[in-house]
Amino acid sequence: MYIKRLLLIIVFLGLVGAGTFAYMVYDSFFLPNTRFNNEEAYIYIPSNADFSEVKARLEPLLDDLEAFEAVAKRKQYISRVKPGKYVLRNGMNNNEIINALRIGNIPVKVSFNNQESLPLLAGRISNQIEADSISLLKAMQDTAFLREQGLPADAALTIYLPNSYEFYWNTSALEFRERMLQEYKRYWNTERIQKAENKGLTPVQVISLASIVHKETSKVEERPRVAGVYLNRLKRKMLLQADPTVIFAIKKESGNYDTVIKRVLYRDLALDSPYNTYRYPGIPPGPIAMPDISAIEAVLNAEKHDFLYFVADVEAFGYHKFAKTLSQHNRNKVQYVRWLNGQNVNR
């Protein structure tokens, strides 16, 4: 009788222990373990991060970090940490959290435009993905890469077409550069290359000219007409005489791209720079800024006309007055110069 009672006690204790263990397992795996109030929280896990780094980033987001670590061990996540951006939803349990960190790397939207130099572009991109600006700039300026693509150093900016793209947050500098090269090649399809060739231009020259058009006017509907003016001047072997190229030359020489120049002076036109289109014929060796797609398309689909000159229209700000002759242009210019002087714009 005693042995039988003892066996019953042992069985009972075993059942209690098993039940307790099962509850602990259930508690660790399946009970909610988040402590943030928003519907979602994001965690960024750097490349080469170990589990201790993951714990440090999760600590403010979880109620029970020890329970999470126990589940991570059982699911062998500790030795299989993956970098990326991950989303945690309010009320997730440890099992769901581990699964999210295993396969839930979500893309981020990377956007850029109007960057006047590679350093500025690298800084802009480094704020959106893991790669830092130094590694990005090194990849962008890599001479071997540029030589392989047939690009001079001055034209390195051309392959970065402004837009919004999806990347994984843990994208490396080289991966970013390779993706941008693919997008560049995709854009320059057979039809666009043929349009460029019909104008006697290469893709780099199209983008370089588009950067001038982009700077000359912010009005998208006016850009094909402005592009037509420059193409007409090129056909006639005339200097482009584009003020934005002089402004860029000044900035490039000083190394200060934040300089604000509202008015080009006669002394600026003497600056000895291949970007000074008042001194050097043809299209500059590279873009003076990052043109948006509308400016590139404006060059490829330029308006056909006989205009050779244009000047800002002070009666319709943002637009320009166009002229076919120098005398007509000078008459238009008088009004603009008078307005500048009235505004005390001396630089």
C-alpha atoms as a PDB file:
ATOM      1  CA  MET A   1       0.000   0.000   0.000  1.00  0.00           C
ATOM      2  CA  TYR A   2       2.825   2.375   0.919  1.00  0.00           C
ATOM      3  CA  ILE A   3       4.621   1.695  -2.367  1.00  0.00           C
ATOM      4  CA  LYS A   4       1.459   2.244  -4.327  1.00  0.00           C
ATOM      5  CA  ARG A   5       0.828   5.561  -2.567  1.00  0.00           C
ATOM      6  CA  LEU A   6       4.424   6.593  -3.184  1.00  0.00           C
ATOM      7  CA  LEU A   7       4.086   5.806  -6.881  1.00  0.00           C
ATOM      8  CA  LEU A   8       0.912   7.877  -7.061  1.00  0.00           C
ATOM      9  CA  ILE A   9       2.690  10.792  -5.401  1.00  0.00           C
ATOM     10  CA  ILE A  10       5.601  10.472  -7.802  1.00  0.00           C
ATOM     11  CA  VAL A  11       3.243  10.363 -10.775  1.00  0.00           C
ATOM     12  CA  PHE A  12       1.354  13.362  -9.450  1.00  0.00           C
ATOM     13  CA  LEU A  13       4.511  15.347  -8.897  1.00  0.00           C
ATOM     14  CA  GLY A  14       5.668  14.342 -12.356  1.00  0.00           C
ATOM     15  CA  LEU A  15       2.451  15.570 -13.865  1.00  0.00           C
ATOM     16  CA  VAL A  16       2.720  18.839 -11.941  1.00  0.00           C
ATOM     17  CA  GLY A  17       6.319  19.230 -13.032  1.00  0.00           C
ATOM     18  CA  ALA A  18       5.463  18.415 -16.604  1.00  0.00           C
ATOM     19  CA  GLY A  19       2.574  20.843 -16.493  1.00  0.00           C
ATOM     20  CA  THR A  20       4.752  23.535 -14.988  1.00  0.00           C
ATOM     21  CA  PHE A  21       7.428  22.926 -17.615  1.00  0.00           C
ATOM     22  CA  ALA A  22       4.842  22.956 -20.393  1.00  0.00           C
ATOM     23  CA  TYR A  23       3.458  26.232 -19.077  1.00  0.00           C
ATOM     24  CA  MET A  24       6.940  27.707 -18.909  1.00  0.00           C
ATOM     25  CA  VAL A  25       7.593  26.628 -22.487  1.00  0.00           C
ATOM     26  CA  TYR A  26       4.256  28.021 -23.579  1.00  0.00           C
ATOM     27  CA  ASP A  27       4.929  31.203 -21.633  1.00  0.00           C
ATOM     28  CA  SER A  28       8.354  31.614 -23.249  1.00  0.00           C
ATOM     29  CA  PHE A  29       7.194  30.828 -26.761  1.00  0.00           C
ATOM     30  CA  PHE A  30       3.639  32.023 -27.116  1.00  0.00           C
ATOM     31  CA  LEU A  31       2.753  34.763 -24.614  1.00  0.00           C
ATOM     32  CA  PRO A  32       3.125  38.380 -25.806  1.00  0.00           C
ATOM     33  CA  ASN A  33       6.509  39.887 -25.005  1.00  0.00           C
ATOM     34  CA  THR A  34       6.465  43.469 -26.308  1.00  0.00           C
ATOM     35  CA  ARG A  35       6.507  46.659 -24.219  1.00  0.00           C
ATOM     36  CA  PHE A  36       6.051  49.443 -26.778  1.00  0.00           C
ATOM     37  CA  ASN A  37       2.726  51.242 -27.238  1.00  0.00           C
ATOM     38  CA  ASN A  38       2.812  51.845 -30.996  1.00  0.00           C
ATOM     39  CA  GLU A  39       1.451  49.266 -33.394  1.00  0.00           C
ATOM     40  CA  GLU A  40       4.929  48.647 -34.782  1.00  0.00           C
ATOM     41  CA  ALA A  41       8.554  49.163 -33.807  1.00  0.00           C
ATOM     42  CA  TYR A  42      11.611  48.839 -36.011  1.00  0.00           C
ATOM     43  CA  ILE A  43      14.968  47.339 -35.185  1.00  0.00           C
ATOM     44  CA  TYR A  44      18.120  47.774 -37.253  1.00  0.00           C
ATOM     45  CA  ILE A  45      20.705  45.013 -36.950  1.00  0.00           C
ATOM     46  CA  PRO A  46      24.125  46.000 -38.347  1.00  0.00           C
ATOM     47  CA  SER A  47      26.262  43.747 -40.482  1.00  0.00           C
ATOM     48  CA  ASN A  48      28.553  41.495 -38.390  1.00  0.00           C
ATOM     49  CA  ALA A  49      26.402  42.082 -35.284  1.00  0.00           C
ATOM     50  CA  ASP A  50      26.347  39.268 -32.732  1.00  0.00           C
ATOM     51  CA  PHE A  51      23.513  38.235 -30.432  1.00  0.00           C
ATOM     52  CA  SER A  52      24.616  40.592 -27.666  1.00  0.00           C
ATOM     53  CA  GLU A  53      24.103  43.492 -30.094  1.00  0.00           C
ATOM     54  CA  VAL A  54      20.631  42.190 -30.932  1.00  0.00           C
ATOM     55  CA  LYS A  55      19.757  41.971 -27.237  1.00  0.00           C
ATOM     56  CA  ALA A  56      20.941  45.524 -26.632  1.00  0.00           C
ATOM     57  CA  ARG A  57      18.708  46.816 -29.416  1.00  0.00           C
ATOM     58  CA  LEU A  58      15.723  44.739 -28.271  1.00  0.00           C
ATOM     59  CA  GLU A  59      15.997  45.560 -24.582  1.00  0.00           C
ATOM     60  CA  PRO A  60      13.800  48.681 -24.647  1.00  0.00           C
ATOM     61  CA  LEU A  61      11.209  46.881 -26.782  1.00  0.00           C
ATOM     62  CA  LEU A  62      10.664  43.631 -24.829  1.00  0.00           C
ATOM     63  CA  ASP A  63       9.115  42.845 -21.421  1.00  0.00           C
ATOM     64  CA  ASP A  64      11.221  39.757 -20.720  1.00  0.00           C
ATOM     65  CA  LEU A  65      14.636  39.698 -22.366  1.00  0.00           C
ATOM     66  CA  GLU A  66      15.630  36.454 -20.611  1.00  0.00           C
ATOM     67  CA  ALA A  67      12.620  34.620 -22.007  1.00  0.00           C
ATOM     68  CA  PHE A  68      13.485  35.901 -25.470  1.00  0.00           C
ATOM     69  CA  GLU A  69      17.064  34.671 -25.096  1.00  0.00           C
ATOM     70  CA  ALA A  70      15.859  31.236 -23.965  1.00  0.00           C
ATOM     71  CA  VAL A  71      13.695  30.887 -27.066  1.00  0.00           C
ATOM     72  CA  ALA A  72      16.525  32.211 -29.248  1.00  0.00           C
ATOM     73  CA  LYS A  73      18.785  29.452 -27.928  1.00  0.00           C
ATOM     74  CA  ARG A  74      16.183  26.747 -28.519  1.00  0.00           C
ATOM     75  CA  LYS A  75      15.596  27.996 -32.075  1.00  0.00           C
ATOM     76  CA  GLN A  76      19.349  28.334 -32.698  1.00  0.00           C
ATOM     77  CA  TYR A  77      19.024  32.006 -33.595  1.00  0.00           C
ATOM     78  CA  ILE A  78      21.917  33.071 -31.378  1.00  0.00           C
ATOM     79  CA  SER A  79      24.489  31.793 -33.876  1.00  0.00           C
ATOM     80  CA  ARG A  80      22.478  32.844 -36.945  1.00  0.00           C
ATOM     81  CA  VAL A  81      21.984  36.579 -36.545  1.00  0.00           C
ATOM     82  CA  LYS A  82      21.149  38.336 -39.818  1.00  0.00           C
ATOM     83  CA  PRO A  83      21.604  42.056 -40.521  1.00  0.00           C
ATOM     84  CA  GLY A  84      18.796  44.229 -41.789  1.00  0.00           C
ATOM     85  CA  LYS A  85      15.748  46.264 -40.849  1.00  0.00           C
ATOM     86  CA  TYR A  86      12.991  44.340 -39.089  1.00  0.00           C
ATOM     87  CA  VAL A  87       9.522  45.218 -37.890  1.00  0.00           C
ATOM     88  CA  LEU A  88       8.067  44.047 -34.556  1.00  0.00           C
ATOM     89  CA  ARG A  89       4.326  44.295 -34.010  1.00  0.00           C
ATOM     90  CA  ASN A  90       2.703  45.023 -30.711  1.00  0.00           C
ATOM     91  CA  GLY A  91       1.702  41.798 -28.958  1.00  0.00           C
ATOM     92  CA  MET A  92       4.212  39.543 -30.741  1.00  0.00           C
ATOM     93  CA  ASN A  93       5.442  36.521 -28.799  1.00  0.00           C
ATOM     94  CA  ASN A  94       9.044  35.349 -28.701  1.00  0.00           C
ATOM     95  CA  ASN A  95       8.482  32.710 -31.346  1.00  0.00           C
ATOM     96  CA  GLU A  96       7.072  35.316 -33.746  1.00  0.00           C
ATOM     97  CA  ILE A  97       9.865  37.750 -32.932  1.00  0.00           C
ATOM     98  CA  ILE A  98      12.545  35.173 -33.718  1.00  0.00           C
ATOM     99  CA  ASN A  99      10.817  34.259 -36.978  1.00  0.00           C
ATOM    100  CA  ALA A 100      10.613  37.954 -37.921  1.00  0.00           C
ATOM    101  CA  LEU A 101      14.329  38.409 -37.237  1.00  0.00           C
ATOM    102  CA  ARG A 102      15.125  35.354 -39.342  1.00  0.00           C
ATOM    103  CA  ILE A 103      13.170  36.032 -42.526  1.00  0.00           C
ATOM    104  CA  GLY A 104      11.583  39.457 -42.128  1.00  0.00           C
ATOM    105  CA  ASN A 105      14.280  41.767 -43.492  1.00  0.00           C
ATOM    106  CA  ILE A 106      12.195  44.551 -45.038  1.00  0.00           C
ATOM    107  CA  PRO A 107      13.305  46.997 -47.752  1.00  0.00           C
ATOM    108  CA  VAL A 108      13.694  50.716 -47.212  1.00  0.00           C
ATOM    109  CA  LYS A 109      12.899  53.432 -49.736  1.00  0.00           C
ATOM    110  CA  VAL A 110      16.009  55.307 -50.849  1.00  0.00           C
ATOM    111  CA  SER A 111      15.425  58.652 -52.559  1.00  0.00           C
ATOM    112  CA  PHE A 112      17.833  61.231 -53.907  1.00  0.00           C
ATOM    113  CA  ASN A 113      17.884  64.162 -56.332  1.00  0.00           C
ATOM    114  CA  ASN A 114      19.567  67.514 -56.938  1.00  0.00           C
ATOM    115  CA  GLN A 115      22.960  66.401 -55.622  1.00  0.00           C
ATOM    116  CA  GLU A 116      25.684  68.546 -57.177  1.00  0.00           C
ATOM    117  CA  SER A 117      28.632  66.290 -56.326  1.00  0.00           C
ATOM    118  CA  LEU A 118      29.536  62.729 -55.384  1.00  0.00           C
ATOM    119  CA  PRO A 119      30.357  63.686 -51.759  1.00  0.00           C
ATOM    120  CA  LEU A 120      26.909  65.232 -51.382  1.00  0.00           C
ATOM    121  CA  LEU A 121      25.291  62.154 -52.931  1.00  0.00           C
ATOM    122  CA  ALA A 122      27.278  59.809 -50.674  1.00  0.00           C
ATOM    123  CA  GLY A 123      26.171  61.793 -47.637  1.00  0.00           C
ATOM    124  CA  ARG A 124      22.553  61.676 -48.748  1.00  0.00           C
ATOM    125  CA  ILE A 125      22.605  57.902 -49.299  1.00  0.00           C
ATOM    126  CA  SER A 126      24.440  57.162 -46.033  1.00  0.00           C
ATOM    127  CA  ASN A 127      21.470  58.626 -44.149  1.00  0.00           C
ATOM    128  CA  GLN A 128      19.198  55.993 -45.667  1.00  0.00           C
ATOM    129  CA  ILE A 129      21.177  52.727 -45.682  1.00  0.00           C
ATOM    130  CA  GLU A 130      23.839  51.158 -43.483  1.00  0.00           C
ATOM    131  CA  ALA A 131      26.814  51.978 -45.725  1.00  0.00           C
ATOM    132  CA  ASP A 132      28.668  55.071 -44.507  1.00  0.00           C
ATOM    133  CA  SER A 133      29.496  58.057 -46.704  1.00  0.00           C
ATOM    134  CA  ILE A 134      33.224  57.259 -46.835  1.00  0.00           C
ATOM    135  CA  SER A 135      32.703  53.753 -48.229  1.00  0.00           C
ATOM    136  CA  LEU A 136      30.053  55.024 -50.640  1.00  0.00           C
ATOM    137  CA  LEU A 137      32.269  57.806 -51.941  1.00  0.00           C
ATOM    138  CA  LYS A 138      35.192  55.397 -52.344  1.00  0.00           C
ATOM    139  CA  ALA A 139      33.011  53.058 -54.410  1.00  0.00           C
ATOM    140  CA  MET A 140      31.662  55.926 -56.533  1.00  0.00           C
ATOM    141  CA  GLN A 141      35.124  57.316 -57.263  1.00  0.00           C
ATOM    142  CA  ASP A 142      36.840  53.980 -57.861  1.00  0.00           C
ATOM    143  CA  THR A 143      38.989  54.535 -60.947  1.00  0.00           C
ATOM    144  CA  ALA A 144      39.015  50.874 -61.978  1.00  0.00           C
ATOM    145  CA  PHE A 145      35.218  50.774 -61.926  1.00  0.00           C
ATOM    146  CA  LEU A 146      34.913  54.028 -63.883  1.00  0.00           C
ATOM    147  CA  ARG A 147      37.461  52.860 -66.442  1.00  0.00           C
ATOM    148  CA  GLU A 148      35.556  49.600 -66.891  1.00  0.00           C
ATOM    149  CA  GLN A 149      32.373  51.587 -67.589  1.00  0.00           C
ATOM    150  CA  GLY A 150      34.167  53.961 -69.946  1.00  0.00           C
ATOM    151  CA  LEU A 151      33.444  56.943 -67.717  1.00  0.00           C
ATOM    152  CA  PRO A 152      35.880  59.779 -66.980  1.00  0.00           C
ATOM    153  CA  ALA A 153      36.095  60.845 -63.340  1.00  0.00           C
ATOM    154  CA  ASP A 154      34.198  64.072 -64.115  1.00  0.00           C
ATOM    155  CA  ALA A 155      31.243  62.031 -65.362  1.00  0.00           C
ATOM    156  CA  ALA A 156      30.993  59.621 -62.415  1.00  0.00           C
ATOM    157  CA  LEU A 157      27.764  61.269 -61.250  1.00  0.00           C
ATOM    158  CA  THR A 158      25.959  60.371 -64.475  1.00  0.00           C
ATOM    159  CA  ILE A 159      25.093  56.793 -63.526  1.00  0.00           C
ATOM    160  CA  TYR A 160      23.079  57.863 -60.477  1.00  0.00           C
ATOM    161  CA  LEU A 161      19.629  58.622 -61.855  1.00  0.00           C
ATOM    162  CA  PRO A 162      17.475  60.464 -59.298  1.00  0.00           C
ATOM    163  CA  ASN A 163      14.438  58.526 -58.207  1.00  0.00           C
ATOM    164  CA  SER A 164      13.082  56.442 -55.335  1.00  0.00           C
ATOM    165  CA  TYR A 165      14.404  52.892 -55.084  1.00  0.00           C
ATOM    166  CA  GLU A 166      13.928  49.965 -52.737  1.00  0.00           C
ATOM    167  CA  PHE A 167      17.022  48.617 -51.002  1.00  0.00           C
ATOM    168  CA  TYR A 168      17.642  46.474 -47.985  1.00  0.00           C
ATOM    169  CA  TRP A 169      18.952  48.665 -45.200  1.00  0.00           C
ATOM    170  CA  ASN A 170      22.111  46.547 -44.871  1.00  0.00           C
ATOM    171  CA  THR A 171      23.080  47.194 -48.515  1.00  0.00           C
ATOM    172  CA  SER A 172      26.831  47.711 -48.890  1.00  0.00           C
ATOM    173  CA  ALA A 173      28.447  50.554 -50.830  1.00  0.00           C
ATOM    174  CA  LEU A 174      29.437  48.214 -53.656  1.00  0.00           C
ATOM    175  CA  GLU A 175      25.946  46.718 -53.802  1.00  0.00           C
ATOM    176  CA  PHE A 176      24.442  50.200 -54.003  1.00  0.00           C
ATOM    177  CA  ARG A 177      26.795  51.172 -56.830  1.00  0.00           C
ATOM    178  CA  GLU A 178      26.041  47.972 -58.745  1.00  0.00           C
ATOM    179  CA  ARG A 179      22.295  48.492 -58.452  1.00  0.00           C
ATOM    180  CA  MET A 180      22.614  52.081 -59.696  1.00  0.00           C
ATOM    181  CA  LEU A 181      24.660  50.879 -62.666  1.00  0.00           C
ATOM    182  CA  GLN A 182      21.915  48.390 -63.517  1.00  0.00           C
ATOM    183  CA  GLU A 183      19.271  51.135 -63.306  1.00  0.00           C
ATOM    184  CA  TYR A 184      21.421  53.367 -65.534  1.00  0.00           C
ATOM    185  CA  LYS A 185      21.774  50.646 -68.155  1.00  0.00           C
ATOM    186  CA  ARG A 186      18.078  49.873 -67.962  1.00  0.00           C
ATOM    187  CA  TYR A 187      17.231  53.519 -68.574  1.00  0.00           C
ATOM    188  CA  TRP A 188      19.558  53.771 -71.566  1.00  0.00           C
ATOM    189  CA  ASN A 189      17.648  51.354 -73.735  1.00  0.00           C
ATOM    190  CA  THR A 190      18.009  51.092 -77.492  1.00  0.00           C
ATOM    191  CA  GLU A 191      15.409  53.798 -78.161  1.00  0.00           C
ATOM    192  CA  ARG A 192      17.058  56.410 -75.941  1.00  0.00           C
ATOM    193  CA  ILE A 193      20.545  55.619 -77.198  1.00  0.00           C
ATOM    194  CA  GLN A 194      19.278  56.072 -80.758  1.00  0.00           C
ATOM    195  CA  LYS A 195      17.712  59.425 -79.881  1.00  0.00           C
ATOM    196  CA  ALA A 196      21.021  60.561 -78.391  1.00  0.00           C
ATOM    197  CA  GLU A 197      22.965  59.397 -81.440  1.00  0.00           C
ATOM    198  CA  ASN A 198      20.557  61.227 -83.730  1.00  0.00           C
ATOM    199  CA  LYS A 199      21.635  64.400 -81.958  1.00  0.00           C
ATOM    200  CA  GLY A 200      25.299  63.471 -82.121  1.00  0.00           C
ATOM    201  CA  LEU A 201      25.458  62.927 -78.374  1.00  0.00           C
ATOM    202  CA  THR A 202      26.544  60.172 -76.020  1.00  0.00           C
ATOM    203  CA  PRO A 203      24.519  59.319 -72.885  1.00  0.00           C
ATOM    204  CA  VAL A 204      27.088  61.179 -70.761  1.00  0.00           C
ATOM    205  CA  GLN A 205      26.748  64.264 -72.959  1.00  0.00           C
ATOM    206  CA  VAL A 206      22.960  64.061 -72.793  1.00  0.00           C
ATOM    207  CA  ILE A 207      23.040  63.984 -68.987  1.00  0.00           C
ATOM    208  CA  SER A 208      25.659  66.745 -68.847  1.00  0.00           C
ATOM    209  CA  LEU A 209      23.535  68.955 -71.080  1.00  0.00           C
ATOM    210  CA  ALA A 210      20.425  67.983 -69.123  1.00  0.00           C
ATOM    211  CA  SER A 211      22.104  69.186 -65.928  1.00  0.00           C
ATOM    212  CA  ILE A 212      22.437  72.644 -67.507  1.00  0.00           C
ATOM    213  CA  VAL A 213      18.791  72.581 -68.636  1.00  0.00           C
ATOM    214  CA  HIS A 214      17.790  71.479 -65.139  1.00  0.00           C
ATOM    215  CA  LYS A 215      19.624  74.441 -63.601  1.00  0.00           C
ATOM    216  CA  GLU A 216      18.321  76.945 -66.138  1.00  0.00           C
ATOM    217  CA  THR A 217      14.636  76.303 -65.507  1.00  0.00           C
ATOM    218  CA  SER A 218      12.562  74.580 -62.875  1.00  0.00           C
ATOM    219  CA  LYS A 219       9.541  74.587 -65.176  1.00  0.00           C
ATOM    220  CA  VAL A 220       9.284  71.075 -66.577  1.00  0.00           C
ATOM    221  CA  GLU A 221       7.136  72.215 -69.495  1.00  0.00           C
ATOM    222  CA  GLU A 222       9.791  74.745 -70.552  1.00  0.00           C
ATOM    223  CA  ARG A 223      12.764  72.376 -70.480  1.00  0.00           C
ATOM    224  CA  PRO A 224      12.345  70.941 -74.017  1.00  0.00           C
ATOM    225  CA  ARG A 225      12.476  74.500 -75.410  1.00  0.00           C
ATOM    226  CA  VAL A 226      15.588  75.383 -73.386  1.00  0.00           C
ATOM    227  CA  ALA A 227      17.209  72.120 -74.507  1.00  0.00           C
ATOM    228  CA  GLY A 228      16.389  73.063 -78.089  1.00  0.00           C
ATOM    229  CA  VAL A 229      18.253  76.363 -77.693  1.00  0.00           C
ATOM    230  CA  TYR A 230      21.437  74.614 -76.579  1.00  0.00           C
ATOM    231  CA  LEU A 231      21.199  72.001 -79.318  1.00  0.00           C
ATOM    232  CA  ASN A 232      20.792  74.800 -81.879  1.00  0.00           C
ATOM    233  CA  ARG A 233      23.900  76.509 -80.535  1.00  0.00           C
ATOM    234  CA  LEU A 234      25.869  73.252 -80.673  1.00  0.00           C
ATOM    235  CA  LYS A 235      24.846  72.728 -84.304  1.00  0.00           C
ATOM    236  CA  ARG A 236      26.071  76.222 -85.164  1.00  0.00           C
ATOM    237  CA  LYS A 237      29.365  75.723 -83.283  1.00  0.00           C
ATOM    238  CA  MET A 238      28.386  78.519 -80.915  1.00  0.00           C
ATOM    239  CA  LEU A 239      29.498  78.648 -77.291  1.00  0.00           C
ATOM    240  CA  LEU A 240      26.738  77.482 -74.964  1.00  0.00           C
ATOM    241  CA  GLN A 241      27.309  80.505 -72.685  1.00  0.00           C
ATOM    242  CA  ALA A 242      25.284  78.979 -69.861  1.00  0.00           C
ATOM    243  CA  ASP A 243      25.499  80.883 -66.562  1.00  0.00           C
ATOM    244  CA  PRO A 244      24.932  77.741 -64.422  1.00  0.00           C
ATOM    245  CA  THR A 245      28.169  76.257 -65.789  1.00  0.00           C
ATOM    246  CA  VAL A 246      30.100  79.326 -64.646  1.00  0.00           C
ATOM    247  CA  ILE A 247      28.517  79.108 -61.208  1.00  0.00           C
ATOM    248  CA  PHE A 248      29.511  75.439 -61.009  1.00  0.00           C
ATOM    249  CA  ALA A 249      33.055  76.270 -62.117  1.00  0.00           C
ATOM    250  CA  ILE A 250      33.353  78.812 -59.317  1.00  0.00           C
ATOM    251  CA  LYS A 251      32.082  76.293 -56.765  1.00  0.00           C
ATOM    252  CA  LYS A 252      34.337  73.538 -58.060  1.00  0.00           C
ATOM    253  CA  GLU A 253      37.407  75.767 -57.922  1.00  0.00           C
ATOM    254  CA  SER A 254      36.670  76.872 -54.357  1.00  0.00           C
ATOM    255  CA  GLY A 255      35.528  73.431 -53.220  1.00  0.00           C
ATOM    256  CA  ASN A 256      32.520  75.055 -51.556  1.00  0.00           C
ATOM    257  CA  TYR A 257      29.350  73.752 -53.172  1.00  0.00           C
ATOM    258  CA  ASP A 258      27.187  75.580 -50.626  1.00  0.00           C
ATOM    259  CA  THR A 259      28.127  78.958 -52.076  1.00  0.00           C
ATOM    260  CA  VAL A 260      25.050  80.932 -53.141  1.00  0.00           C
ATOM    261  CA  ILE A 261      25.588  82.852 -56.390  1.00  0.00           C
ATOM    262  CA  LYS A 262      22.561  84.667 -57.775  1.00  0.00           C
ATOM    263  CA  ARG A 263      24.316  86.723 -60.422  1.00  0.00           C
ATOM    264  CA  VAL A 264      27.209  85.916 -62.751  1.00  0.00           C
ATOM    265  CA  LEU A 265      29.561  88.876 -63.148  1.00  0.00           C
ATOM    266  CA  TYR A 266      31.667  89.728 -66.195  1.00  0.00           C
ATOM    267  CA  ARG A 267      34.854  88.905 -64.297  1.00  0.00           C
ATOM    268  CA  ASP A 268      33.509  85.375 -63.672  1.00  0.00           C
ATOM    269  CA  LEU A 269      33.394  84.731 -67.409  1.00  0.00           C
ATOM    270  CA  ALA A 270      37.195  84.815 -67.518  1.00  0.00           C
ATOM    271  CA  LEU A 271      37.543  81.836 -65.170  1.00  0.00           C
ATOM    272  CA  ASP A 272      39.729  79.191 -66.804  1.00  0.00           C
ATOM    273  CA  SER A 273      37.714  76.025 -66.330  1.00  0.00           C
ATOM    274  CA  PRO A 274      36.466  73.385 -68.782  1.00  0.00           C
ATOM    275  CA  TYR A 275      33.066  73.978 -67.182  1.00  0.00           C
ATOM    276  CA  ASN A 276      33.047  77.625 -68.210  1.00  0.00           C
ATOM    277  CA  THR A 277      30.984  77.492 -71.381  1.00  0.00           C
ATOM    278  CA  TYR A 278      31.740  81.151 -72.082  1.00  0.00           C
ATOM    279  CA  ARG A 279      35.358  80.125 -72.779  1.00  0.00           C
ATOM    280  CA  TYR A 280      35.248  76.473 -73.793  1.00  0.00           C
ATOM    281  CA  PRO A 281      33.121  75.158 -76.663  1.00  0.00           C
ATOM    282  CA  GLY A 282      30.841  72.172 -76.531  1.00  0.00           C
ATOM    283  CA  ILE A 283      29.352  70.364 -73.567  1.00  0.00           C
ATOM    284  CA  PRO A 284      31.277  70.340 -70.259  1.00  0.00           C
ATOM    285  CA  PRO A 285      33.175  67.137 -69.349  1.00  0.00           C
ATOM    286  CA  GLY A 286      30.518  66.090 -66.888  1.00  0.00           C
ATOM    287  CA  PRO A 287      27.230  67.153 -65.315  1.00  0.00           C
ATOM    288  CA  ILE A 288      27.178  70.304 -63.201  1.00  0.00           C
ATOM    289  CA  ALA A 289      24.433  68.805 -61.066  1.00  0.00           C
ATOM    290  CA  MET A 290      22.198  65.776 -60.934  1.00  0.00           C
ATOM    291  CA  PRO A 291      19.441  66.423 -63.501  1.00  0.00           C
ATOM    292  CA  ASP A 292      16.081  64.872 -62.898  1.00  0.00           C
ATOM    293  CA  ILE A 293      14.524  62.574 -65.446  1.00  0.00           C
ATOM    294  CA  SER A 294      12.379  65.331 -66.953  1.00  0.00           C
ATOM    295  CA  ALA A 295      15.519  67.300 -67.876  1.00  0.00           C
ATOM    296  CA  ILE A 296      17.133  64.246 -69.480  1.00  0.00           C
ATOM    297  CA  GLU A 297      13.973  63.543 -71.435  1.00  0.00           C
ATOM    298  CA  ALA A 298      13.844  67.216 -72.453  1.00  0.00           C
ATOM    299  CA  VAL A 299      17.224  66.847 -74.169  1.00  0.00           C
ATOM    300  CA  LEU A 300      16.274  63.572 -75.838  1.00  0.00           C
ATOM    301  CA  ASN A 301      12.961  65.051 -76.989  1.00  0.00           C
ATOM    302  CA  ALA A 302      13.986  68.670 -77.419  1.00  0.00           C
ATOM    303  CA  GLU A 303      11.631  71.131 -79.044  1.00  0.00           C
ATOM    304  CA  LYS A 304      12.544  71.972 -82.629  1.00  0.00           C
ATOM    305  CA  HIS A 305      12.688  75.730 -83.188  1.00  0.00           C
ATOM    306  CA  ASP A 306      15.045  78.513 -84.308  1.00  0.00           C
ATOM    307  CA  PHE A 307      15.718  80.132 -80.936  1.00  0.00           C
ATOM    308  CA  LEU A 308      19.353  80.738 -79.997  1.00  0.00           C
ATOM    309  CA  TYR A 309      18.982  82.874 -76.860  1.00  0.00           C
ATOM    310  CA  PHE A 310      16.860  83.169 -73.755  1.00  0.00           C
ATOM    311  CA  VAL A 311      16.748  85.270 -70.623  1.00  0.00           C
ATOM    312  CA  ALA A 312      14.626  85.220 -67.472  1.00  0.00           C
ATOM    313  CA  ASP A 313      11.178  86.734 -67.879  1.00  0.00           C
ATOM    314  CA  VAL A 314      10.605  89.172 -65.024  1.00  0.00           C
ATOM    315  CA  GLU A 315       6.917  89.363 -65.885  1.00  0.00           C
ATOM    316  CA  ALA A 316       6.465  85.606 -65.507  1.00  0.00           C
ATOM    317  CA  PHE A 317       8.910  84.456 -62.861  1.00  0.00           C
ATOM    318  CA  GLY A 318      10.343  81.020 -63.447  1.00  0.00           C
ATOM    319  CA  TYR A 319       9.903  81.293 -67.205  1.00  0.00           C
ATOM    320  CA  HIS A 320      12.088  82.790 -69.931  1.00  0.00           C
ATOM    321  CA  LYS A 321      11.875  84.996 -73.004  1.00  0.00           C
ATOM    322  CA  PHE A 322      13.344  83.386 -76.109  1.00  0.00           C
ATOM    323  CA  ALA A 323      14.944  85.093 -79.086  1.00  0.00           C
ATOM    324  CA  LYS A 324      16.177  84.106 -82.535  1.00  0.00           C
ATOM    325  CA  THR A 325      18.579  87.023 -82.954  1.00  0.00           C
ATOM    326  CA  LEU A 326      21.120  88.692 -80.713  1.00  0.00           C
ATOM    327  CA  SER A 327      19.484  92.099 -81.111  1.00  0.00           C
ATOM    328  CA  GLN A 328      16.142  90.722 -79.964  1.00  0.00           C
ATOM    329  CA  HIS A 329      17.866  88.953 -77.070  1.00  0.00           C
ATOM    330  CA  ASN A 330      19.614  92.153 -75.982  1.00  0.00           C
ATOM    331  CA  ARG A 331      16.292  93.961 -75.874  1.00  0.00           C
ATOM    332  CA  ASN A 332      14.886  91.199 -73.676  1.00  0.00           C
ATOM    333  CA  LYS A 333      18.007  91.280 -71.521  1.00  0.00           C
ATOM    334  CA  VAL A 334      17.689  94.995 -70.735  1.00  0.00           C
ATOM    335  CA  GLN A 335      14.515  94.385 -68.772  1.00  0.00           C
ATOM    336  CA  TYR A 336      16.088  91.561 -66.803  1.00  0.00           C
ATOM    337  CA  VAL A 337      19.250  93.536 -65.937  1.00  0.00           C
ATOM    338  CA  ARG A 338      17.112  96.482 -64.854  1.00  0.00           C
ATOM    339  CA  TRP A 339      15.168  94.169 -62.552  1.00  0.00           C
ATOM    340  CA  LEU A 340      18.383  92.705 -61.065  1.00  0.00           C
ATOM    341  CA  ASN A 341      19.716  96.151 -60.343  1.00  0.00           C
ATOM    342  CA  GLY A 342      16.428  97.148 -58.763  1.00  0.00           C
ATOM    343  CA  GLN A 343      16.657  94.139 -56.465  1.00  0.00           C
ATOM    344  CA  ASN A 344      20.279  95.002 -55.538  1.00  0.00           C
ATOM    345  CA  VAL A 345      21.404  91.545 -56.675  1.00  0.00           C
ATOM    346  CA  ASN A 346      25.146  92.074 -56.919  1.00  0.00           C
ATOM    347  CA  ARG A 347      26.284  88.458 -56.538  1.00  0.00           C
END
